[in-house]
């Protein structure tokens, strides 16, 4: 019986880019934590989540989104991104915009505690909107992963003119 030779595919991933993206994600998470739970860092000045804390939370979420994009984009290692990955980038952006509008709803005059009359407050509906936005961001990140089986997900889709030139 002939021995089967098992070969491993060697992936030359840009490890520095992926590592940098993960460092950006972790630092964004720390900024996000400062906004959500400032008492963990002995920075609590208010019993409610106010405007400054919501803004710090949104900055942390933005830094996490950028770091996730850098890391996942490094997994494509120079290949053309798939349609699903391109759509994932847009879903991440949409999720962040939803997070900004739900987090700053009171300041923008969309919430139940409008800014000039009341102190901005992060209420239950704003928290739900923020959670929905985070779900959009997570779905977008998952869509950006390079899947190997489907041509829709692996970046090997061809245009009609490329398809004709291959078969002519």
Protein backbone atom coordinates (compact mmCIF):
# COMPACT_ATOMS: atom_id res chain seq x y z
CA UNK A 1 0.00 0.00 0.00
CA UNK A 2 1.55 3.32 -1.03
CA UNK A 3 1.94 5.84 1.68
CA UNK A 4 -0.10 8.95 1.32
CA UNK A 5 1.87 12.10 1.61
CA UNK A 6 0.01 14.65 3.63
CA UNK A 7 1.05 18.12 2.75
CA UNK A 8 0.12 21.15 4.71
CA UNK A 9 -0.76 24.30 2.88
CA UNK A 10 1.48 27.06 4.01
CA UNK A 11 -0.34 30.34 4.33
CA UNK A 12 1.79 33.42 4.21
CA UNK A 13 -0.46 35.68 6.19
CA UNK A 14 0.62 39.22 7.02
CA UNK A 15 1.04 38.49 10.71
CA UNK A 16 2.19 42.00 11.58
CA UNK A 17 -1.01 43.48 10.13
CA UNK A 18 -3.21 40.92 11.88
CA UNK A 19 -1.36 41.41 15.16
CA UNK A 20 -1.64 45.21 14.85
CA UNK A 21 -5.37 44.90 14.15
CA UNK A 22 -5.87 42.73 17.22
CA UNK A 23 -3.94 45.21 19.38
CA UNK A 24 -6.21 47.97 18.05
CA UNK A 25 -9.28 45.83 18.89
CA UNK A 26 -8.08 45.25 22.47
CA UNK A 27 -7.27 48.93 22.97
CA UNK A 28 -10.69 49.84 21.56
CA UNK A 29 -12.27 47.41 23.99
CA UNK A 30 -10.45 49.10 26.89
CA UNK A 31 -11.73 52.50 25.71
CA UNK A 32 -15.21 50.97 25.40
CA UNK A 33 -14.94 49.64 28.96
CA UNK A 34 -13.97 53.08 30.25
CA UNK A 35 -17.21 54.37 28.75
CA UNK A 36 -19.40 51.54 30.01
CA UNK A 37 -17.91 50.94 33.46
CA UNK A 38 -15.71 53.87 34.49
CA UNK A 39 -15.82 52.69 38.11
CA UNK A 40 -13.52 49.81 37.09
CA UNK A 41 -10.85 52.45 36.42
CA UNK A 42 -11.83 54.68 39.36
CA UNK A 43 -13.20 57.33 36.98
CA UNK A 44 -16.89 57.26 37.95
CA UNK A 45 -18.44 60.69 38.48
CA UNK A 46 -22.10 60.01 37.79
CA UNK A 47 -24.63 57.31 38.70
CA UNK A 48 -26.04 57.29 35.13
CA UNK A 49 -24.49 56.88 31.70
CA UNK A 50 -24.23 60.47 30.48
CA UNK A 51 -23.08 62.15 27.31
CA UNK A 52 -19.34 61.81 27.95
CA UNK A 53 -19.59 58.11 28.79
CA UNK A 54 -21.73 57.43 25.71
CA UNK A 55 -19.23 59.31 23.54
CA UNK A 56 -16.30 57.35 24.98
CA UNK A 57 -18.26 54.13 24.38
CA UNK A 58 -18.82 55.11 20.74
CA UNK A 59 -15.15 55.99 20.24
CA UNK A 60 -14.17 52.60 21.69
CA UNK A 61 -16.63 50.84 19.40
CA UNK A 62 -15.22 52.72 16.39
CA UNK A 63 -11.67 51.72 17.32
CA UNK A 64 -12.79 48.08 17.69
CA UNK A 65 -14.48 48.17 14.27
CA UNK A 66 -11.36 49.59 12.64
CA UNK A 67 -9.12 47.02 14.34
CA UNK A 68 -11.43 44.18 13.31
CA UNK A 69 -11.40 45.43 9.73
CA UNK A 70 -7.59 45.58 9.71
CA UNK A 71 -7.28 42.04 11.12
CA UNK A 72 -9.88 40.40 8.90
CA UNK A 73 -8.62 42.25 5.84
CA UNK A 74 -5.18 40.78 6.55
CA UNK A 75 -6.63 37.28 6.23
CA UNK A 76 -7.35 37.93 2.56
CA UNK A 77 -3.54 38.20 2.04
CA UNK A 78 -3.66 40.40 -1.04
CA UNK A 79 -6.45 38.53 -2.82
CA UNK A 80 -9.50 40.26 -4.18
CA UNK A 81 -12.23 40.40 -1.53
CA UNK A 82 -15.44 38.55 -2.23
CA UNK A 83 -18.85 40.11 -2.73
CA UNK A 84 -19.89 38.93 0.73
CA UNK A 85 -16.79 40.53 2.27
CA UNK A 86 -17.52 43.82 0.53
CA UNK A 87 -21.10 43.65 1.79
CA UNK A 88 -19.77 42.84 5.28
CA UNK A 89 -17.76 46.07 5.30
CA UNK A 90 -20.92 48.03 4.56
CA UNK A 91 -22.89 46.17 7.24
CA UNK A 92 -20.19 47.01 9.80
CA UNK A 93 -20.44 50.67 8.83
CA UNK A 94 -24.23 50.56 9.01
CA UNK A 95 -24.06 48.95 12.44
CA UNK A 96 -21.77 51.70 13.68
CA UNK A 97 -24.09 54.41 12.34
CA UNK A 98 -27.03 52.73 14.11
CA UNK A 99 -24.95 52.66 17.31
CA UNK A 100 -24.16 56.38 17.00
CA UNK A 101 -27.77 57.35 16.43
CA UNK A 102 -29.13 55.13 19.19
CA UNK A 103 -26.42 56.13 21.65
CA UNK A 104 -26.77 59.85 20.99
CA UNK A 105 -30.53 59.84 20.45
CA UNK A 106 -31.19 62.26 23.32
CA UNK A 107 -28.49 64.67 22.18
CA UNK A 108 -29.77 64.58 18.59
CA UNK A 109 -33.35 65.16 19.74
CA UNK A 110 -34.57 61.67 18.82
CA UNK A 111 -34.78 60.17 22.31
CA UNK A 112 -37.26 60.36 25.15
CA UNK A 113 -35.06 62.83 27.09
CA UNK A 114 -34.31 65.69 24.64
CA UNK A 115 -31.07 67.54 25.42
CA UNK A 116 -32.00 71.09 26.37
CA UNK A 117 -34.77 70.07 28.80
CA UNK A 118 -33.16 66.97 30.34
CA UNK A 119 -29.73 65.56 30.98
CA UNK A 120 -28.89 62.99 28.25
CA UNK A 121 -29.54 59.52 29.60
CA UNK A 122 -28.76 56.10 28.13
CA UNK A 123 -32.14 54.40 28.46
CA UNK A 124 -33.52 50.95 27.75
CA UNK A 125 -34.46 51.66 24.13
CA UNK A 126 -31.09 53.17 23.43
CA UNK A 127 -29.41 50.09 24.91
CA UNK A 128 -31.52 47.84 22.66
CA UNK A 129 -30.59 49.90 19.62
CA UNK A 130 -26.94 49.67 20.63
CA UNK A 131 -27.23 45.88 20.98
CA UNK A 132 -28.84 45.61 17.55
CA UNK A 133 -26.02 47.72 16.13
CA UNK A 134 -23.43 45.45 17.73
CA UNK A 135 -25.20 42.45 16.16
CA UNK A 136 -24.93 44.14 12.75
CA UNK A 137 -21.22 44.72 13.33
CA UNK A 138 -20.68 41.08 14.35
CA UNK A 139 -22.54 39.81 11.26
CA UNK A 140 -20.45 42.11 9.07
CA UNK A 141 -17.21 40.81 10.61
CA UNK A 142 -18.33 37.22 10.03
CA UNK A 143 -19.19 38.03 6.41
CA UNK A 144 -15.67 39.38 5.89
CA UNK A 145 -14.00 36.09 6.82
CA UNK A 146 -12.45 34.32 3.82
CA UNK A 147 -14.48 31.14 3.37
CA UNK A 148 -12.96 28.58 1.01
CA UNK A 149 -15.82 26.62 -0.55
CA UNK A 150 -18.26 29.00 -2.18
CA UNK A 151 -17.13 31.27 -5.03
CA UNK A 152 -19.38 33.95 -3.50
CA UNK A 153 -17.32 33.91 -0.32
CA UNK A 154 -13.77 33.07 -1.44
CA UNK A 155 -12.99 36.01 -3.70
CA UNK A 156 -12.63 33.99 -6.90
CA UNK A 157 -15.75 35.30 -8.57
CA UNK A 158 -15.22 36.35 -12.18
CA UNK A 159 -16.94 39.01 -14.19
CA UNK A 160 -18.78 38.14 -17.39
CA UNK A 161 -15.93 39.42 -19.59
CA UNK A 162 -13.34 37.44 -17.62
CA UNK A 163 -15.54 34.34 -17.88
CA UNK A 164 -15.83 34.73 -21.67
CA UNK A 165 -12.09 35.26 -22.13
CA UNK A 166 -11.32 32.14 -20.10
CA UNK A 167 -13.58 29.93 -22.19
CA UNK A 168 -12.72 31.40 -25.64
